Amino acid sequence: MIFYFSCTGNTRWAAHRLASALNETLVDIANSDMVHDYHFEANERIGFCFPVHGWRPPRPVFEFVKQLSLNNPDHHFCWALCTAGDDIGQAMEYFDRSLGVVGLHLDSAYSLIMPESYVGLPFMDVDKPEREREKIQTADEMFQTIIPEIKDCRKGIVRTHPGAFPRTKSLVLGAAFSRWIITDRPFRVSDACIKCGKCAEVCPMGDILGGRGQVPQWKHDGSCLSCFACYHHCPVKAIHYGHRTNGKGQYYFECHER
């Protein structure tokens, strides 16, 4: 079984790619039941796929794991794969510690460098189309290595991109990111809005009030992840994040096929 969480489509693509190759059942964390009670067959593989936000797994992934109820957790090969626009810091170490609450630990860990989607800081923008294609091609080729390793339940494999100063990034910058940067307060919608409802539809947290025929409104209830799925999916670029998204591009996974 593979549990996954995705915002702009990178992780969803990876999870579906793995599930198809490994003949695994997929569970979307964003649409799962509140009671996470799953029965696993003996020696069944357990996988997790998620994006990295601020050099850490996103909050919903931690919350899902805390509520996860497993039978015989000691007899399963457990692996995780994360996606990020660049390095991941100690995201996998943070995730492994969270698994300990339910009696699991990571046997192997992977990360894929995928097209950048975070545009919430002045110096950050999406990748150029050529770079998007390069990242996706490289990630796709990585599956030739990853799939056999997971299929054979090979333990102790760590194919991740922690980058420089991983502890500082996850512990210090990650804390600052979570406390001060993740918020829906700066989101605004311009008169260009065509009230298509796409932004509310794609928000993985259900943080947007609205739908077809309505102007979107963010709830400001602390649920936003600042993943920018709403911004990237807007067909007329009517969504802005203060002035920080002025002149910036859009990306979600399907974009590379256009």
Protein backbone atom coordinates (compact mmCIF):
# COMPACT_ATOMS: atom_id res chain seq x y z
CA MET A 1 0.00 0.00 0.00
CA ILE A 2 1.18 3.53 -0.79
CA PHE A 3 -0.04 6.59 1.11
CA TYR A 4 0.56 9.87 -0.70
CA PHE A 5 -0.04 13.59 -0.36
CA SER A 6 0.29 15.97 -3.28
CA CYS A 7 -0.31 19.64 -3.96
CA THR A 8 0.83 20.62 -7.45
CA GLY A 9 0.99 17.13 -8.90
CA ASN A 10 4.67 16.15 -8.66
CA THR A 11 4.13 13.68 -5.83
CA ARG A 12 0.88 12.37 -7.30
CA TRP A 13 2.72 11.50 -10.51
CA ALA A 14 5.48 9.73 -8.60
CA ALA A 15 3.02 7.82 -6.40
CA HIS A 16 0.95 6.66 -9.36
CA ARG A 17 4.10 5.67 -11.24
CA LEU A 18 5.25 3.54 -8.31
CA ALA A 19 1.83 2.05 -7.59
CA SER A 20 1.47 0.92 -11.19
CA ALA A 21 4.91 -0.67 -11.31
CA LEU A 22 4.61 -2.31 -7.89
CA ASN A 23 0.92 -3.28 -8.20
CA GLU A 24 0.14 -1.39 -4.99
CA THR A 25 -3.06 0.18 -3.67
CA LEU A 26 -2.92 3.98 -3.51
CA VAL A 27 -4.41 6.03 -0.66
CA ASP A 28 -4.66 9.80 -1.05
CA ILE A 29 -4.00 11.28 2.38
CA ALA A 30 -5.94 14.44 1.51
CA ASN A 31 -9.09 12.41 0.82
CA SER A 32 -8.71 9.65 3.41
CA ASP A 33 -11.13 8.96 6.24
CA MET A 34 -10.58 10.59 9.61
CA VAL A 35 -10.09 7.15 11.21
CA HIS A 36 -6.98 5.70 9.63
CA ASP A 37 -7.36 2.01 10.49
CA TYR A 38 -5.74 -0.19 7.85
CA HIS A 39 -5.23 -3.93 7.78
CA PHE A 40 -2.07 -5.16 6.11
CA GLU A 41 -1.25 -8.63 4.93
CA ALA A 42 1.84 -10.34 6.34
CA ASN A 43 5.04 -8.82 4.92
CA GLU A 44 3.11 -6.26 2.90
CA ARG A 45 5.14 -3.22 1.82
CA ILE A 46 4.12 0.16 3.26
CA GLY A 47 5.13 3.25 1.30
CA PHE A 48 4.72 7.00 1.76
CA CYS A 49 5.08 9.72 -0.87
CA PHE A 50 4.95 13.43 -0.07
CA PRO A 51 6.37 16.81 -1.10
CA VAL A 52 8.86 18.71 1.04
CA HIS A 53 7.74 22.07 2.48
CA GLY A 54 10.39 24.17 4.17
CA TRP A 55 12.79 21.18 4.37
CA ARG A 56 10.17 19.17 6.28
CA PRO A 57 7.24 16.91 5.40
CA PRO A 58 4.00 18.91 5.20
CA ARG A 59 1.79 19.10 8.31
CA PRO A 60 -1.03 16.85 6.96
CA VAL A 61 1.45 13.99 6.53
CA PHE A 62 2.51 14.21 10.18
CA GLU A 63 -1.13 14.39 11.27
CA PHE A 64 -2.06 11.38 9.14
CA VAL A 65 0.75 9.26 10.54
CA LYS A 66 -0.16 10.13 14.14
CA GLN A 67 -3.68 8.76 13.57
CA LEU A 68 -2.58 5.70 11.63
CA SER A 69 -3.59 2.38 13.18
CA LEU A 70 -1.58 -0.61 12.00
CA ASN A 71 -1.72 -4.31 12.73
CA ASN A 72 1.69 -6.00 13.29
CA PRO A 73 3.79 -2.94 12.28
CA ASP A 74 7.05 -4.82 12.92
CA HIS A 75 6.66 -7.14 9.95
CA HIS A 76 6.54 -4.73 7.03
CA PHE A 77 9.10 -3.19 4.71
CA CYS A 78 8.54 0.56 5.06
CA TRP A 79 9.86 3.06 2.54
CA ALA A 80 9.27 6.71 1.69
CA LEU A 81 9.84 8.95 -1.29
CA CYS A 82 9.63 12.73 -1.24
CA THR A 83 9.67 15.29 -4.02
CA ALA A 84 11.27 18.73 -3.89
CA GLY A 85 12.45 21.46 -6.22
CA ASP A 86 15.94 21.16 -4.73
CA ASP A 87 17.46 19.66 -1.57
CA ILE A 88 15.36 18.22 1.27
CA GLY A 89 17.45 18.89 4.38
CA GLN A 90 16.56 16.37 7.10
CA ALA A 91 12.98 15.87 5.93
CA MET A 92 13.35 12.08 5.92
CA GLU A 93 14.83 12.04 9.43
CA TYR A 94 11.86 14.08 10.66
CA PHE A 95 9.48 11.70 8.94
CA ASP A 96 11.21 8.61 10.30
CA ARG A 97 10.86 9.93 13.85
CA SER A 98 7.14 10.52 13.30
CA LEU A 99 6.71 6.91 12.16
CA GLY A 100 8.06 5.71 15.49
CA VAL A 101 4.81 6.82 17.14
CA VAL A 102 2.96 4.03 15.31
CA GLY A 103 5.72 1.45 15.56
CA LEU A 104 7.20 1.88 12.09
CA HIS A 105 10.62 2.97 10.90
CA LEU A 106 12.00 3.70 7.47
CA ASP A 107 13.86 0.83 5.87
CA SER A 108 14.78 2.85 2.76
CA ALA A 109 14.33 6.47 1.65
CA TYR A 110 14.33 8.32 -1.65
CA SER A 111 13.92 11.84 -2.97
CA LEU A 112 13.22 13.13 -6.46
CA ILE A 113 14.18 16.60 -7.63
CA MET A 114 11.12 17.85 -9.49
CA PRO A 115 10.08 21.17 -11.06
CA GLU A 116 9.91 24.05 -8.61
CA SER A 117 6.44 25.27 -7.60
CA TYR A 118 7.10 27.44 -4.55
CA VAL A 119 6.76 31.13 -5.42
CA GLY A 120 6.03 32.61 -1.99
CA LEU A 121 9.34 34.39 -1.49
CA PRO A 122 10.68 37.26 -3.63
CA PHE A 123 13.71 35.32 -4.89
CA MET A 124 11.83 32.11 -5.78
CA ASP A 125 10.08 31.31 -9.06
CA VAL A 126 9.16 28.29 -11.15
CA ASP A 127 11.78 26.65 -13.34
CA LYS A 128 12.13 27.47 -17.02
CA PRO A 129 10.33 24.97 -19.29
CA GLU A 130 13.62 23.38 -20.37
CA ARG A 131 14.63 22.83 -16.76
CA GLU A 132 11.18 21.40 -15.96
CA ARG A 133 11.61 18.82 -18.71
CA GLU A 134 15.13 17.95 -17.58
CA LYS A 135 14.03 17.38 -13.99
CA ILE A 136 11.07 15.22 -14.97
CA GLN A 137 13.17 13.15 -17.37
CA THR A 138 15.86 12.58 -14.73
CA ALA A 139 13.23 11.66 -12.13
CA ASP A 140 11.57 9.26 -14.56
CA GLU A 141 14.90 7.56 -15.21
CA MET A 142 15.46 7.21 -11.46
CA PHE A 143 12.47 4.86 -11.26
CA GLN A 144 14.52 2.25 -13.10
CA THR A 145 16.66 2.05 -9.97
CA ILE A 146 14.04 2.74 -7.31
CA ILE A 147 11.32 0.30 -8.41
CA PRO A 148 13.44 -2.90 -8.26
CA GLU A 149 14.83 -1.88 -4.86
CA ILE A 150 11.38 -1.37 -3.37
CA LYS A 151 10.00 -4.48 -5.06
CA ASP A 152 12.78 -6.56 -3.52
CA CYS A 153 12.37 -4.84 -0.11
CA ARG A 154 16.02 -3.83 0.00
CA LYS A 155 16.78 -2.20 3.34
CA GLY A 156 19.26 0.49 4.24
CA ILE A 157 19.09 2.34 0.93
CA VAL A 158 19.14 6.14 1.13
CA ARG A 159 18.94 7.92 -2.21
CA THR A 160 18.09 11.44 -1.09
CA HIS A 161 19.33 15.00 -1.64
CA PRO A 162 19.91 16.51 1.82
CA GLY A 163 22.03 19.37 0.47
CA ALA A 164 24.38 21.57 2.48
CA PHE A 165 23.62 22.29 6.15
CA PRO A 166 20.61 19.93 6.26
CA ARG A 167 20.12 20.22 10.02
CA THR A 168 20.11 24.02 9.94
CA LYS A 169 17.66 24.07 7.05
CA SER A 170 15.15 21.68 8.61
CA LEU A 171 15.50 22.71 12.24
CA VAL A 172 16.03 26.48 12.04
CA LEU A 173 14.79 27.62 8.64
CA GLY A 174 12.05 24.99 8.65
CA ALA A 175 10.73 26.28 11.97
CA ALA A 176 10.75 29.85 10.70
CA PHE A 177 9.02 28.75 7.51
CA SER A 178 6.27 26.98 9.47
CA ARG A 179 5.76 29.82 11.92
CA TRP A 180 5.92 32.94 9.77
CA ILE A 181 5.77 32.08 6.08
CA ILE A 182 3.03 29.44 5.76
CA THR A 183 -0.16 31.47 5.69
CA ASP A 184 -3.06 32.28 3.37
CA ARG A 185 -3.28 35.92 4.51
CA PRO A 186 -1.55 37.44 1.45
CA PHE A 187 -3.76 35.66 -1.10
CA ARG A 188 -5.89 38.01 -3.19
CA VAL A 189 -8.01 37.60 -6.31
CA SER A 190 -8.22 40.23 -9.01
CA ASP A 191 -11.09 41.34 -11.23
CA ALA A 192 -9.74 38.99 -13.88
CA CYS A 193 -11.30 36.06 -11.95
CA ILE A 194 -13.73 34.09 -14.15
CA LYS A 195 -15.29 32.25 -11.17
CA CYS A 196 -14.40 28.85 -12.58
CA GLY A 197 -13.97 27.28 -9.13
CA LYS A 198 -10.73 25.55 -10.06
CA CYS A 199 -8.77 27.00 -7.13
CA ALA A 200 -11.22 25.66 -4.55
CA GLU A 201 -11.30 22.30 -6.33
CA VAL A 202 -7.52 21.77 -6.28
CA CYS A 203 -6.76 23.04 -2.76
CA PRO A 204 -5.59 19.92 -0.88
CA MET A 205 -6.68 21.42 2.45
CA GLY A 206 -10.15 22.65 1.49
CA ASP A 207 -9.03 26.12 2.57
CA ILE A 208 -10.92 28.02 -0.14
CA LEU A 209 -14.60 28.89 0.03
CA GLY A 210 -16.19 29.07 -3.37
CA GLY A 211 -16.78 27.11 -6.52
CA ARG A 212 -18.10 27.62 -10.00
CA GLY A 213 -19.84 30.99 -10.17
CA GLN A 214 -18.25 32.28 -6.96
CA VAL A 215 -15.29 34.48 -6.17
CA PRO A 216 -12.89 32.46 -3.99
CA GLN A 217 -12.30 33.34 -0.35
CA TRP A 218 -9.56 31.88 1.82
CA LYS A 219 -10.67 30.72 5.26
CA HIS A 220 -7.71 32.11 7.28
CA ASP A 221 -8.14 29.24 9.74
CA GLY A 222 -4.54 28.03 9.80
CA SER A 223 -5.08 25.11 7.42
CA CYS A 224 -3.28 26.63 4.41
CA LEU A 225 0.07 25.09 3.45
CA SER A 226 1.12 27.89 1.07
CA CYS A 227 1.56 25.18 -1.55
CA PHE A 228 0.25 27.55 -4.25
CA ALA A 229 -1.88 24.90 -5.96
CA CYS A 230 -4.62 27.54 -6.26
CA TYR A 231 -2.26 30.07 -7.84
CA HIS A 232 -0.73 27.60 -10.27
CA HIS A 233 -4.06 26.20 -11.48
CA CYS A 234 -5.75 29.55 -12.08
CA PRO A 235 -6.32 29.70 -15.86
CA VAL A 236 -6.26 33.53 -15.98
CA LYS A 237 -3.62 34.27 -13.29
CA ALA A 238 -6.19 36.11 -11.18
CA ILE A 239 -4.72 34.87 -7.89
CA HIS A 240 -1.90 36.84 -6.29
CA TYR A 241 0.13 36.41 -3.12
CA GLY A 242 0.56 40.01 -2.15
CA HIS A 243 3.17 41.38 -4.53
CA ARG A 244 5.38 38.32 -4.22
CA THR A 245 3.95 36.53 -7.26
CA ASN A 246 4.02 39.52 -9.62
CA GLY A 247 5.58 38.51 -12.93
CA LYS A 248 6.15 34.91 -11.85
CA GLY A 249 5.25 31.77 -13.73
CA GLN A 250 2.87 28.91 -13.01
CA TYR A 251 3.51 25.20 -12.74
CA TYR A 252 1.62 22.02 -11.97
CA PHE A 253 2.68 18.64 -13.21
CA GLU A 254 0.57 18.51 -16.37
CA CYS A 255 2.15 21.77 -17.59
CA HIS A 256 5.19 19.97 -19.00
CA GLU A 257 2.94 18.17 -21.47
CA ARG A 258 1.54 21.35 -22.99
